[in-house]
Amino acid sequence: MRLVFLGPPGAGKGTQAREIAHEWGVPHLATGDMLREAAAAGNRLGLEAKRYMDQGALVPDDVIVDLMRERLAWPDTAKGFIMDGFPRTIAQAEALAQLLKDSAHQLDAVIYFEVSEQELLRRLTDRRVCRACQTAYHLVSAPPRSLGVCDKCGGELYQREDDSETPVRHRLEVYARQTSPLLDYYGRRGLLRTVSGEGAITAIRGAIRTAARGSR
């Protein structure tokens, strides 16, 4: 299976992508992880990406596409993959289509995680991070044993500024503007499948499996 997972921040697509990729024995291609790994490796693409990341700027499409081209050439993608965080724009979607065409492949489906704004706000604003060791918690789904105290090191837990409500709303608005054209793009090509990102994790996973099988 060759799948793309789309969804707003906090939709749970990364968690589901990791679990299902492991279950199916295919790689989970998460753009954020790939960028950090490339930057740490210090290769040409990694250094170029790091230059933008250090400035807090978006990494340009051509760098992301080149990084994905290299990753798709690895043998472990022969059986399929689950992409998470790519594509983000129509230009990236078209570049991905060309990359797959060059290797005589195509996407099986694009799974969109639909989650209400109220639920996304709850998930994102309830995040807490340890000041000392940077361990992440969630007040509802993964709370610390003692309120405000890190289980691992006893450090103070705090809410990052970008996890407060106003920045979170802005991130969701930006994502909606960016993603709407992608949903139309994949919908017109008959690839888009929508699943609810709310409810029990196992139920969501079952819906993803059903949506993916329906694309075959």
N, C-alpha and C. Protein backbone atom coordinates (compact mmCIF):
# COMPACT_ATOMS: atom_id res chain seq x y z
N MET A 1 0.83 -1.19 0.00
CA MET A 1 0.00 0.00 0.00
C MET A 1 0.87 1.24 0.00
N ARG A 2 0.48 2.21 -0.83
CA ARG A 2 1.17 3.51 -0.86
C ARG A 2 0.13 4.56 -0.49
N LEU A 3 0.28 5.06 0.74
CA LEU A 3 -0.73 5.95 1.30
C LEU A 3 -0.12 7.27 1.73
N VAL A 4 -0.95 8.32 1.68
CA VAL A 4 -0.62 9.62 2.28
C VAL A 4 -1.65 9.88 3.37
N PHE A 5 -1.19 10.26 4.55
CA PHE A 5 -2.08 10.66 5.64
C PHE A 5 -2.09 12.18 5.72
N LEU A 6 -3.28 12.77 5.61
CA LEU A 6 -3.44 14.21 5.75
C LEU A 6 -4.31 14.50 6.96
N GLY A 7 -4.04 15.60 7.62
CA GLY A 7 -4.86 15.99 8.75
C GLY A 7 -4.22 17.14 9.49
N PRO A 8 -5.00 17.93 10.20
CA PRO A 8 -4.47 19.09 10.91
C PRO A 8 -3.59 18.69 12.08
N PRO A 9 -2.82 19.62 12.62
CA PRO A 9 -2.05 19.34 13.83
C PRO A 9 -2.98 18.82 14.93
N GLY A 10 -2.56 17.75 15.60
CA GLY A 10 -3.38 17.20 16.67
C GLY A 10 -4.40 16.18 16.23
N ALA A 11 -4.44 15.86 14.93
CA ALA A 11 -5.44 14.92 14.43
C ALA A 11 -5.09 13.47 14.75
N GLY A 12 -3.84 13.21 15.12
CA GLY A 12 -3.43 11.85 15.47
C GLY A 12 -2.88 11.04 14.32
N LYS A 13 -2.63 11.69 13.18
CA LYS A 13 -2.18 10.95 12.00
C LYS A 13 -0.80 10.34 12.19
N GLY A 14 0.09 11.04 12.92
CA GLY A 14 1.43 10.52 13.14
C GLY A 14 1.41 9.24 13.96
N THR A 15 0.61 9.23 15.02
CA THR A 15 0.49 8.04 15.87
C THR A 15 -0.05 6.86 15.07
N GLN A 16 -1.11 7.11 14.30
CA GLN A 16 -1.70 6.03 13.50
C GLN A 16 -0.74 5.56 12.41
N ALA A 17 -0.04 6.51 11.79
CA ALA A 17 0.90 6.15 10.73
C ALA A 17 2.00 5.24 11.25
N ARG A 18 2.55 5.55 12.42
CA ARG A 18 3.61 4.72 12.99
C ARG A 18 3.12 3.31 13.26
N GLU A 19 1.93 3.21 13.88
CA GLU A 19 1.41 1.90 14.25
C GLU A 19 1.06 1.05 13.02
N ILE A 20 0.39 1.65 12.06
CA ILE A 20 -0.04 0.89 10.88
C ILE A 20 1.16 0.53 10.01
N ALA A 21 2.13 1.44 9.89
CA ALA A 21 3.34 1.13 9.12
C ALA A 21 4.06 -0.07 9.73
N HIS A 22 4.12 -0.11 11.05
CA HIS A 22 4.75 -1.26 11.74
C HIS A 22 3.94 -2.54 11.49
N GLU A 23 2.62 -2.42 11.57
CA GLU A 23 1.73 -3.57 11.37
C GLU A 23 1.88 -4.13 9.96
N TRP A 24 2.00 -3.26 8.97
CA TRP A 24 2.07 -3.70 7.58
C TRP A 24 3.49 -3.96 7.09
N GLY A 25 4.48 -3.60 7.89
CA GLY A 25 5.86 -3.82 7.49
C GLY A 25 6.33 -2.90 6.38
N VAL A 26 5.84 -1.66 6.40
CA VAL A 26 6.27 -0.66 5.42
C VAL A 26 6.82 0.55 6.18
N PRO A 27 7.65 1.38 5.55
CA PRO A 27 8.21 2.53 6.26
C PRO A 27 7.19 3.65 6.47
N HIS A 28 7.36 4.34 7.59
CA HIS A 28 6.59 5.55 7.89
C HIS A 28 7.46 6.72 7.50
N LEU A 29 7.08 7.42 6.44
CA LEU A 29 7.87 8.53 5.92
C LEU A 29 7.32 9.83 6.47
N ALA A 30 7.85 10.26 7.61
CA ALA A 30 7.41 11.50 8.27
C ALA A 30 8.38 12.61 7.91
N THR A 31 7.89 13.64 7.22
CA THR A 31 8.76 14.68 6.71
C THR A 31 9.57 15.35 7.81
N GLY A 32 8.92 15.63 8.95
CA GLY A 32 9.63 16.29 10.04
C GLY A 32 10.81 15.46 10.52
N ASP A 33 10.60 14.16 10.71
CA ASP A 33 11.68 13.27 11.14
C ASP A 33 12.78 13.21 10.09
N MET A 34 12.38 13.15 8.82
CA MET A 34 13.36 13.07 7.74
C MET A 34 14.23 14.31 7.68
N LEU A 35 13.62 15.48 7.89
CA LEU A 35 14.39 16.73 7.87
C LEU A 35 15.38 16.77 9.02
N ARG A 36 14.93 16.38 10.22
CA ARG A 36 15.83 16.39 11.38
C ARG A 36 16.98 15.40 11.20
N GLU A 37 16.67 14.22 10.65
CA GLU A 37 17.71 13.20 10.44
C GLU A 37 18.72 13.67 9.39
N ALA A 38 18.22 14.29 8.33
CA ALA A 38 19.12 14.78 7.27
C ALA A 38 20.01 15.90 7.80
N ALA A 39 19.43 16.79 8.62
CA ALA A 39 20.22 17.88 9.20
C ALA A 39 21.30 17.33 10.12
N ALA A 40 20.95 16.31 10.91
CA ALA A 40 21.92 15.71 11.84
C ALA A 40 23.02 14.98 11.07
N ALA A 41 22.67 14.39 9.92
CA ALA A 41 23.65 13.66 9.12
C ALA A 41 24.65 14.59 8.44
N GLY A 42 24.23 15.84 8.21
CA GLY A 42 25.14 16.83 7.64
C GLY A 42 25.40 16.67 6.16
N ASN A 43 24.51 15.93 5.45
CA ASN A 43 24.70 15.81 4.00
C ASN A 43 24.20 17.09 3.32
N ARG A 44 24.33 17.14 2.00
CA ARG A 44 24.03 18.37 1.28
C ARG A 44 22.60 18.84 1.53
N LEU A 45 21.63 17.94 1.33
CA LEU A 45 20.24 18.32 1.52
C LEU A 45 19.96 18.67 2.97
N GLY A 46 20.59 17.91 3.88
CA GLY A 46 20.39 18.17 5.30
C GLY A 46 20.88 19.54 5.70
N LEU A 47 22.05 19.92 5.23
CA LEU A 47 22.61 21.22 5.56
C LEU A 47 21.76 22.35 4.97
N GLU A 48 21.26 22.12 3.76
CA GLU A 48 20.41 23.13 3.14
C GLU A 48 19.10 23.29 3.92
N ALA A 49 18.51 22.16 4.30
CA ALA A 49 17.27 22.21 5.09
C ALA A 49 17.51 22.88 6.44
N LYS A 50 18.66 22.55 7.08
CA LYS A 50 18.96 23.10 8.40
C LYS A 50 19.08 24.62 8.36
N ARG A 51 19.60 25.13 7.24
CA ARG A 51 19.74 26.58 7.11
C ARG A 51 18.38 27.28 7.24
N TYR A 52 17.35 26.70 6.63
CA TYR A 52 16.01 27.28 6.73
C TYR A 52 15.40 27.02 8.10
N MET A 53 15.58 25.81 8.61
CA MET A 53 14.99 25.45 9.90
C MET A 53 15.56 26.33 11.02
N ASP A 54 16.87 26.63 10.97
CA ASP A 54 17.49 27.46 12.00
C ASP A 54 16.94 28.88 11.99
N GLN A 55 16.44 29.30 10.82
CA GLN A 55 15.86 30.65 10.70
C GLN A 55 14.37 30.67 11.01
N GLY A 56 13.82 29.46 11.29
CA GLY A 56 12.39 29.37 11.55
C GLY A 56 11.55 29.53 10.30
N ALA A 57 12.19 29.33 9.13
CA ALA A 57 11.49 29.48 7.85
C ALA A 57 11.07 28.12 7.32
N LEU A 58 10.07 28.12 6.42
CA LEU A 58 9.64 26.88 5.78
C LEU A 58 10.72 26.39 4.82
N VAL A 59 10.97 25.10 4.84
CA VAL A 59 11.93 24.52 3.91
C VAL A 59 11.29 24.52 2.52
N PRO A 60 11.98 25.05 1.50
CA PRO A 60 11.38 25.16 0.15
C PRO A 60 10.96 23.82 -0.43
N ASP A 61 9.99 23.89 -1.33
CA ASP A 61 9.46 22.68 -1.96
C ASP A 61 10.56 21.85 -2.62
N ASP A 62 11.50 22.50 -3.33
CA ASP A 62 12.49 21.72 -4.07
C ASP A 62 13.39 20.91 -3.15
N VAL A 63 13.68 21.44 -1.95
CA VAL A 63 14.50 20.70 -0.99
C VAL A 63 13.72 19.50 -0.46
N ILE A 64 12.45 19.74 -0.09
CA ILE A 64 11.60 18.65 0.42
C ILE A 64 11.44 17.56 -0.64
N VAL A 65 11.19 17.96 -1.88
CA VAL A 65 10.99 16.98 -2.96
C VAL A 65 12.26 16.18 -3.21
N ASP A 66 13.42 16.84 -3.20
CA ASP A 66 14.68 16.12 -3.39
C ASP A 66 14.92 15.13 -2.25
N LEU A 67 14.58 15.54 -1.05
CA LEU A 67 14.73 14.65 0.11
C LEU A 67 13.82 13.43 -0.04
N MET A 68 12.58 13.68 -0.48
CA MET A 68 11.64 12.57 -0.67
C MET A 68 12.08 11.67 -1.83
N ARG A 69 12.65 12.26 -2.88
CA ARG A 69 13.14 11.45 -4.01
C ARG A 69 14.22 10.48 -3.53
N GLU A 70 15.14 10.97 -2.71
CA GLU A 70 16.19 10.10 -2.18
C GLU A 70 15.61 8.99 -1.30
N ARG A 71 14.63 9.37 -0.47
CA ARG A 71 14.06 8.37 0.46
C ARG A 71 13.28 7.30 -0.28
N LEU A 72 12.56 7.68 -1.32
CA LEU A 72 11.77 6.70 -2.07
C LEU A 72 12.64 5.73 -2.85
N ALA A 73 13.91 6.06 -3.01
CA ALA A 73 14.84 5.16 -3.71
C ALA A 73 15.35 4.05 -2.81
N TRP A 74 15.08 4.14 -1.50
CA TRP A 74 15.54 3.09 -0.58
C TRP A 74 14.75 1.80 -0.85
N PRO A 75 15.40 0.65 -0.71
CA PRO A 75 14.73 -0.64 -0.99
C PRO A 75 13.49 -0.89 -0.14
N ASP A 76 13.45 -0.34 1.09
CA ASP A 76 12.33 -0.67 1.98
C ASP A 76 11.00 -0.08 1.53
N THR A 77 11.03 0.83 0.54
CA THR A 77 9.77 1.40 0.04
C THR A 77 9.16 0.57 -1.09
N ALA A 78 9.82 -0.50 -1.47
CA ALA A 78 9.34 -1.30 -2.61
C ALA A 78 7.96 -1.89 -2.34
N LYS A 79 7.69 -2.26 -1.08
CA LYS A 79 6.40 -2.86 -0.73
C LYS A 79 5.33 -1.82 -0.42
N GLY A 80 5.73 -0.57 -0.30
CA GLY A 80 4.78 0.47 0.02
C GLY A 80 5.32 1.41 1.07
N PHE A 81 4.48 2.35 1.52
CA PHE A 81 4.87 3.33 2.52
C PHE A 81 3.63 4.05 3.02
N ILE A 82 3.81 4.75 4.14
CA ILE A 82 2.79 5.68 4.62
C ILE A 82 3.47 7.03 4.81
N MET A 83 3.02 8.04 4.07
CA MET A 83 3.59 9.38 4.16
C MET A 83 2.79 10.23 5.14
N ASP A 84 3.51 11.01 5.92
CA ASP A 84 2.90 11.84 6.95
C ASP A 84 3.62 13.19 6.93
N GLY A 85 2.91 14.26 6.55
CA GLY A 85 3.53 15.58 6.49
C GLY A 85 3.94 15.99 5.08
N PHE A 86 3.69 15.13 4.12
CA PHE A 86 4.00 15.41 2.72
C PHE A 86 2.99 14.67 1.87
N PRO A 87 2.42 15.32 0.85
CA PRO A 87 2.65 16.71 0.44
C PRO A 87 1.82 17.70 1.26
N ARG A 88 2.26 18.96 1.25
CA ARG A 88 1.53 20.04 1.93
C ARG A 88 0.95 21.06 0.95
N THR A 89 1.42 21.02 -0.29
CA THR A 89 0.97 21.98 -1.30
C THR A 89 0.66 21.23 -2.59
N ILE A 90 -0.04 21.91 -3.50
CA ILE A 90 -0.33 21.31 -4.80
C ILE A 90 0.96 21.02 -5.55
N ALA A 91 1.93 21.93 -5.46
CA ALA A 91 3.21 21.72 -6.14
C ALA A 91 3.88 20.45 -5.63
N GLN A 92 3.83 20.23 -4.31
CA GLN A 92 4.42 19.01 -3.76
C GLN A 92 3.64 17.78 -4.19
N ALA A 93 2.31 17.89 -4.26
CA ALA A 93 1.49 16.75 -4.70
C ALA A 93 1.81 16.37 -6.14
N GLU A 94 1.99 17.36 -6.99
CA GLU A 94 2.32 17.08 -8.38
C GLU A 94 3.72 16.49 -8.50
N ALA A 95 4.65 16.98 -7.66
CA ALA A 95 6.00 16.42 -7.68
C ALA A 95 5.99 14.98 -7.21
N LEU A 96 5.19 14.68 -6.18
CA LEU A 96 5.08 13.31 -5.70
C LEU A 96 4.53 12.39 -6.79
N ALA A 97 3.51 12.85 -7.48
CA ALA A 97 2.92 12.04 -8.56
C ALA A 97 3.98 11.71 -9.62
N GLN A 98 4.84 12.69 -9.93
CA GLN A 98 5.88 12.46 -10.93
C GLN A 98 6.94 11.51 -10.41
N LEU A 99 7.32 11.66 -9.12
CA LEU A 99 8.31 10.75 -8.53
C LEU A 99 7.82 9.30 -8.61
N LEU A 100 6.55 9.09 -8.27
CA LEU A 100 6.00 7.73 -8.30
C LEU A 100 5.86 7.22 -9.73
N LYS A 101 5.48 8.10 -10.63
CA LYS A 101 5.35 7.70 -12.04
C LYS A 101 6.70 7.26 -12.59
N ASP A 102 7.77 7.97 -12.21
CA ASP A 102 9.12 7.64 -12.69
C ASP A 102 9.54 6.24 -12.25
N SER A 103 8.98 5.77 -11.12
CA SER A 103 9.31 4.43 -10.63
C SER A 103 8.19 3.43 -10.91
N ALA A 104 7.27 3.82 -11.81
CA ALA A 104 6.15 2.95 -12.24
C ALA A 104 5.22 2.61 -11.08
N HIS A 105 5.02 3.56 -10.16
CA HIS A 105 4.10 3.37 -9.05
C HIS A 105 3.09 4.51 -9.02
N GLN A 106 2.09 4.36 -8.15
CA GLN A 106 1.13 5.43 -7.93
C GLN A 106 0.54 5.27 -6.53
N LEU A 107 -0.06 6.35 -6.04
CA LEU A 107 -0.69 6.29 -4.73
C LEU A 107 -1.92 5.40 -4.77
N ASP A 108 -2.16 4.67 -3.68
CA ASP A 108 -3.39 3.89 -3.55
C ASP A 108 -4.51 4.74 -2.97
N ALA A 109 -4.17 5.60 -1.99
CA ALA A 109 -5.20 6.42 -1.36
C ALA A 109 -4.57 7.53 -0.54
N VAL A 110 -5.36 8.57 -0.30
CA VAL A 110 -5.00 9.67 0.60
C VAL A 110 -6.04 9.66 1.70
N ILE A 111 -5.61 9.40 2.92
CA ILE A 111 -6.52 9.31 4.07
C ILE A 111 -6.52 10.64 4.80
N TYR A 112 -7.69 11.28 4.86
CA TYR A 112 -7.81 12.56 5.56
C TYR A 112 -8.48 12.35 6.91
N PHE A 113 -7.82 12.83 7.97
CA PHE A 113 -8.32 12.71 9.33
C PHE A 113 -9.17 13.93 9.66
N GLU A 114 -10.48 13.71 9.81
CA GLU A 114 -11.40 14.80 10.08
C GLU A 114 -11.63 14.90 11.60
N VAL A 115 -11.30 16.05 12.18
CA VAL A 115 -11.45 16.27 13.62
C VAL A 115 -12.02 17.67 13.82
N SER A 116 -12.97 17.81 14.74
CA SER A 116 -13.59 19.11 14.98
C SER A 116 -12.56 20.08 15.57
N GLU A 117 -12.79 21.36 15.33
CA GLU A 117 -11.88 22.38 15.85
C GLU A 117 -11.83 22.35 17.38
N GLN A 118 -12.99 22.14 17.99
CA GLN A 118 -13.04 22.09 19.45
C GLN A 118 -12.15 20.97 20.00
N GLU A 119 -12.19 19.81 19.37
CA GLU A 119 -11.38 18.69 19.82
C GLU A 119 -9.90 18.95 19.56
N LEU A 120 -9.57 19.56 18.42
CA LEU A 120 -8.17 19.88 18.13
C LEU A 120 -7.62 20.86 19.15
N LEU A 121 -8.41 21.86 19.50
CA LEU A 121 -7.98 22.83 20.51
C LEU A 121 -7.71 22.14 21.85
N ARG A 122 -8.59 21.23 22.21
CA ARG A 122 -8.42 20.52 23.48
C ARG A 122 -7.12 19.71 23.46
N ARG A 123 -6.90 19.00 22.36
CA ARG A 123 -5.71 18.15 22.29
C ARG A 123 -4.42 18.98 22.31
N LEU A 124 -4.42 20.07 21.57
CA LEU A 124 -3.19 20.83 21.41
C LEU A 124 -2.89 21.74 22.60
N THR A 125 -3.92 22.31 23.21
CA THR A 125 -3.67 23.22 24.33
C THR A 125 -3.45 22.47 25.64
N ASP A 126 -3.74 21.17 25.68
CA ASP A 126 -3.50 20.37 26.89
C ASP A 126 -2.11 19.74 26.92
N ARG A 127 -1.28 20.07 25.95
CA ARG A 127 0.09 19.55 25.95
C ARG A 127 0.92 20.26 27.03
N ARG A 128 1.82 19.51 27.67
CA ARG A 128 2.76 20.07 28.63
C ARG A 128 4.13 19.44 28.39
N VAL A 129 5.18 20.19 28.65
CA VAL A 129 6.55 19.72 28.39
C VAL A 129 7.40 19.99 29.62
N CYS A 130 8.32 19.07 29.92
CA CYS A 130 9.23 19.24 31.05
C CYS A 130 10.32 20.25 30.68
N ARG A 131 10.52 21.23 31.54
CA ARG A 131 11.57 22.23 31.28
C ARG A 131 12.96 21.61 31.29
N ALA A 132 13.14 20.57 32.08
CA ALA A 132 14.47 19.99 32.25
C ALA A 132 14.82 18.98 31.17
N CYS A 133 13.95 17.97 30.96
CA CYS A 133 14.31 16.88 30.03
C CYS A 133 13.48 16.87 28.75
N GLN A 134 12.53 17.79 28.63
CA GLN A 134 11.72 17.96 27.42
C GLN A 134 10.76 16.81 27.15
N THR A 135 10.51 15.95 28.16
CA THR A 135 9.50 14.90 28.00
C THR A 135 8.13 15.55 27.84
N ALA A 136 7.34 15.04 26.88
CA ALA A 136 6.04 15.63 26.60
C ALA A 136 4.93 14.83 27.29
N TYR A 137 3.90 15.56 27.73
CA TYR A 137 2.73 14.96 28.38
C TYR A 137 1.47 15.57 27.77
N HIS A 138 0.34 14.94 28.09
CA HIS A 138 -0.96 15.49 27.73
C HIS A 138 -1.86 15.34 28.94
N LEU A 139 -2.51 16.42 29.32
CA LEU A 139 -3.28 16.40 30.56
C LEU A 139 -4.40 15.38 30.57
N VAL A 140 -4.89 14.97 29.38
CA VAL A 140 -5.98 14.01 29.30
C VAL A 140 -5.48 12.62 28.90
N SER A 141 -4.77 12.54 27.77
CA SER A 141 -4.41 11.23 27.23
C SER A 141 -3.11 10.66 27.79
N ALA A 142 -2.22 11.50 28.28
CA ALA A 142 -0.95 11.01 28.84
C ALA A 142 -0.50 11.93 29.98
N PRO A 143 -1.28 11.97 31.07
CA PRO A 143 -0.96 12.91 32.15
C PRO A 143 0.21 12.43 33.01
N PRO A 144 0.89 13.36 33.67
CA PRO A 144 1.93 12.97 34.63
C PRO A 144 1.26 12.40 35.88
N ARG A 145 2.03 11.65 36.67
CA ARG A 145 1.47 11.09 37.91
C ARG A 145 1.12 12.20 38.91
N SER A 146 1.96 13.24 38.93
CA SER A 146 1.69 14.39 39.81
C SER A 146 1.54 15.63 38.95
N LEU A 147 0.47 16.39 39.15
CA LEU A 147 0.19 17.56 38.32
C LEU A 147 1.36 18.54 38.33
N GLY A 148 1.83 18.87 37.13
CA GLY A 148 2.89 19.87 37.01
C GLY A 148 4.29 19.36 37.25
N VAL A 149 4.45 18.03 37.46
CA VAL A 149 5.77 17.47 37.78
C VAL A 149 6.10 16.34 36.81
N CYS A 150 7.30 16.35 36.24
CA CYS A 150 7.73 15.32 35.30
C CYS A 150 7.95 14.00 36.01
N ASP A 151 7.39 12.91 35.45
CA ASP A 151 7.57 11.58 36.01
C ASP A 151 9.03 11.14 35.97
N LYS A 152 9.76 11.56 34.92
CA LYS A 152 11.11 11.04 34.69
C LYS A 152 12.17 11.72 35.56
N CYS A 153 12.09 13.07 35.64
CA CYS A 153 13.19 13.77 36.32
C CYS A 153 12.72 14.69 37.44
N GLY A 154 11.41 14.82 37.61
CA GLY A 154 10.90 15.71 38.65
C GLY A 154 10.90 17.18 38.27
N GLY A 155 11.20 17.45 37.01
CA GLY A 155 11.24 18.84 36.54
C GLY A 155 9.85 19.45 36.44
N GLU A 156 9.83 20.77 36.27
CA GLU A 156 8.56 21.50 36.15
C GLU A 156 7.97 21.32 34.75
N LEU A 157 6.67 21.07 34.70
CA LEU A 157 5.98 20.99 33.41
C LEU A 157 5.40 22.35 33.09
N TYR A 158 5.46 22.72 31.82
CA TYR A 158 4.93 24.01 31.41
C TYR A 158 4.24 23.88 30.05
N GLN A 159 3.44 24.89 29.73
CA GLN A 159 2.78 24.93 28.42
C GLN A 159 3.61 25.82 27.50
N ARG A 160 4.05 25.27 26.39
CA ARG A 160 4.81 26.08 25.44
C ARG A 160 3.93 27.20 24.90
N GLU A 161 4.55 28.31 24.57
CA GLU A 161 3.79 29.46 24.08
C GLU A 161 2.97 29.11 22.85
N ASP A 162 3.55 28.31 21.96
CA ASP A 162 2.82 27.98 20.72
C ASP A 162 1.76 26.92 20.94
N ASP A 163 1.60 26.42 22.18
CA ASP A 163 0.50 25.51 22.50
C ASP A 163 -0.64 26.21 23.22
N SER A 164 -0.56 27.54 23.39
CA SER A 164 -1.68 28.28 23.97
C SER A 164 -2.73 28.52 22.88
N GLU A 165 -3.92 28.93 23.26
CA GLU A 165 -5.06 28.90 22.34
C GLU A 165 -4.88 29.78 21.10
N THR A 166 -4.40 31.01 21.26
CA THR A 166 -4.31 31.91 20.11
C THR A 166 -3.35 31.39 19.03
N PRO A 167 -2.11 30.99 19.39
CA PRO A 167 -1.24 30.41 18.36
C PRO A 167 -1.78 29.13 17.75
N VAL A 168 -2.45 28.30 18.56
CA VAL A 168 -3.02 27.05 18.05
C VAL A 168 -4.10 27.35 17.02
N ARG A 169 -4.98 28.29 17.33
CA ARG A 169 -6.03 28.67 16.36
C ARG A 169 -5.39 29.15 15.06
N HIS A 170 -4.32 29.92 15.16
CA HIS A 170 -3.66 30.43 13.95
C HIS A 170 -3.08 29.27 13.13
N ARG A 171 -2.43 28.31 13.80
CA ARG A 171 -1.87 27.15 13.10
C ARG A 171 -2.96 26.36 12.37
N LEU A 172 -4.10 26.22 13.02
CA LEU A 172 -5.21 25.47 12.41
C LEU A 172 -5.77 26.22 11.20
N GLU A 173 -5.84 27.55 11.30
CA GLU A 173 -6.33 28.35 10.18
C GLU A 173 -5.38 28.26 8.99
N VAL A 174 -4.08 28.35 9.26
CA VAL A 174 -3.08 28.24 8.20
C VAL A 174 -3.16 26.86 7.54
N TYR A 175 -3.28 25.82 8.36
CA TYR A 175 -3.36 24.46 7.82
C TYR A 175 -4.59 24.32 6.93
N ALA A 176 -5.74 24.85 7.39
CA ALA A 176 -6.98 24.73 6.61
C ALA A 176 -6.82 25.40 5.25
N ARG A 177 -6.17 26.57 5.23
CA ARG A 177 -5.98 27.28 3.96
C ARG A 177 -5.07 26.48 3.04
N GLN A 178 -4.01 25.90 3.59
CA GLN A 178 -3.07 25.15 2.78
C GLN A 178 -3.66 23.84 2.26
N THR A 179 -4.47 23.20 3.11
CA THR A 179 -4.92 21.85 2.81
C THR A 179 -6.15 21.79 1.93
N SER A 180 -7.00 22.77 2.00
CA SER A 180 -8.23 22.75 1.21
C SER A 180 -7.98 22.46 -0.27
N PRO A 181 -7.01 23.13 -0.90
CA PRO A 181 -6.73 22.81 -2.31
C PRO A 181 -6.27 21.36 -2.51
N LEU A 182 -5.52 20.81 -1.52
CA LEU A 182 -5.06 19.42 -1.63
C LEU A 182 -6.22 18.45 -1.58
N LEU A 183 -7.20 18.73 -0.72
CA LEU A 183 -8.36 17.85 -0.63
C LEU A 183 -9.12 17.85 -1.95
N ASP A 184 -9.25 19.01 -2.56
CA ASP A 184 -9.90 19.09 -3.87
C ASP A 184 -9.09 18.34 -4.93
N TYR A 185 -7.78 18.52 -4.88
CA TYR A 185 -6.87 17.90 -5.84
C TYR A 185 -7.01 16.38 -5.81
N TYR A 186 -6.94 15.80 -4.62
CA TYR A 186 -7.01 14.34 -4.51
C TYR A 186 -8.45 13.82 -4.65
N GLY A 187 -9.42 14.66 -4.28
CA GLY A 187 -10.81 14.28 -4.48
C GLY A 187 -11.14 14.12 -5.95
N ARG A 188 -10.67 15.04 -6.77
CA ARG A 188 -10.93 14.97 -8.21
C ARG A 188 -10.28 13.74 -8.84
N ARG A 189 -9.23 13.24 -8.22
CA ARG A 189 -8.52 12.07 -8.76
C ARG A 189 -9.04 10.77 -8.16
N GLY A 190 -10.06 10.86 -7.34
CA GLY A 190 -10.67 9.66 -6.77
C GLY A 190 -9.83 8.97 -5.72
N LEU A 191 -8.86 9.69 -5.13
CA LEU A 191 -7.94 9.09 -4.16
C LEU A 191 -8.30 9.39 -2.71
N LEU A 192 -9.14 10.40 -2.50
CA LEU A 192 -9.39 10.88 -1.14
C LEU A 192 -10.35 9.98 -0.38
N ARG A 193 -9.96 9.59 0.83
CA ARG A 193 -10.81 8.86 1.76
C ARG A 193 -10.80 9.62 3.08
N THR A 194 -11.97 9.87 3.65
CA THR A 194 -12.07 10.62 4.90
C THR A 194 -12.45 9.69 6.03
N VAL A 195 -11.70 9.77 7.13
CA VAL A 195 -12.03 9.00 8.33
C VAL A 195 -12.14 9.99 9.50
N SER A 196 -12.94 9.63 10.48
CA SER A 196 -13.03 10.45 11.68
C SER A 196 -11.79 10.21 12.54
N GLY A 197 -11.18 11.30 12.96
CA GLY A 197 -10.01 11.21 13.84
C GLY A 197 -10.39 11.28 15.31
N GLU A 198 -11.71 11.18 15.60
CA GLU A 198 -12.18 11.22 16.98
C GLU A 198 -12.71 9.85 17.38
N GLY A 199 -12.57 9.54 18.67
CA GLY A 199 -13.03 8.25 19.17
C GLY A 199 -11.87 7.39 19.63
N ALA A 200 -12.14 6.13 19.86
CA ALA A 200 -11.12 5.20 20.33
C ALA A 200 -10.05 4.99 19.26
N ILE A 201 -8.80 4.90 19.69
CA ILE A 201 -7.69 4.73 18.76
C ILE A 201 -7.86 3.48 17.91
N THR A 202 -8.33 2.39 18.54
CA THR A 202 -8.50 1.14 17.79
C THR A 202 -9.60 1.27 16.73
N ALA A 203 -10.66 2.03 17.05
CA ALA A 203 -11.74 2.22 16.08
C ALA A 203 -11.25 3.05 14.89
N ILE A 204 -10.46 4.07 15.18
CA ILE A 204 -9.91 4.90 14.10
C ILE A 204 -9.01 4.06 13.21
N ARG A 205 -8.20 3.20 13.85
CA ARG A 205 -7.30 2.34 13.08
C ARG A 205 -8.09 1.39 12.17
N GLY A 206 -9.20 0.87 12.69
CA GLY A 206 -10.04 0.00 11.87
C GLY A 206 -10.62 0.74 10.68
N ALA A 207 -11.03 2.00 10.89
CA ALA A 207 -11.57 2.80 9.79
C ALA A 207 -10.51 3.06 8.74
N ILE A 208 -9.27 3.27 9.18
CA ILE A 208 -8.18 3.49 8.22
C ILE A 208 -7.95 2.24 7.39
N ARG A 209 -7.93 1.07 8.03
CA ARG A 209 -7.74 -0.18 7.29
C ARG A 209 -8.84 -0.36 6.25
N THR A 210 -10.09 -0.10 6.65
CA THR A 210 -11.21 -0.24 5.73
C THR A 210 -11.08 0.72 4.55
N ALA A 211 -10.72 1.98 4.85
CA ALA A 211 -10.56 2.97 3.77
C ALA A 211 -9.44 2.58 2.82
N ALA A 212 -8.34 2.07 3.38
CA ALA A 212 -7.22 1.66 2.53
C ALA A 212 -7.58 0.46 1.67
N ARG A 213 -8.25 -0.51 2.26
CA ARG A 213 -8.65 -1.70 1.47
C ARG A 213 -9.62 -1.32 0.36
N GLY A 214 -10.46 -0.33 0.62
CA GLY A 214 -11.43 0.09 -0.38
C GLY A 214 -10.80 0.73 -1.59
N SER A 215 -9.51 1.10 -1.46
CA SER A 215 -8.82 1.73 -2.59
C SER A 215 -8.24 0.70 -3.55
N ARG A 216 -8.26 -0.57 -3.13
CA ARG A 216 -7.69 -1.64 -3.95
C ARG A 216 -8.72 -2.24 -4.88
